[in-house]
């Protein structure tokens, strides 16, 4: 399984309308690209315990994870015209963003990674 992971920090001018437009665009892109197997969105939480939380140099408020069966499925999504709109939001509406792709496996199967 391939996980397309995006960390996103909205810019100061991103309001409720822009957030709604981002979600609508993402929903449309996922609906038009059959290689997307799952989509999860998260908002950062803080636990307040000492350790890694205080060591993070950048703060990303949101996380997006899209799952694909294989690298070909990820490529199909990234090259799909519906991805252009959502990809544009992650540059125009962000004060910072990162995107990484990972091959994922259950722990029992992780030796091949």
Foldseek 3Di string as FASTA:
>chain_A
DKKKKKFFAFDPPDDPVNVVVLVVLVVVLPVVQVQFPDKDKDADDDDPDDDDVVVDPDDGGMMMITDGPDPVSVVSSCPDPSVVVNVVCRPPGGPDMDIDMDDDDPPVPPPVD
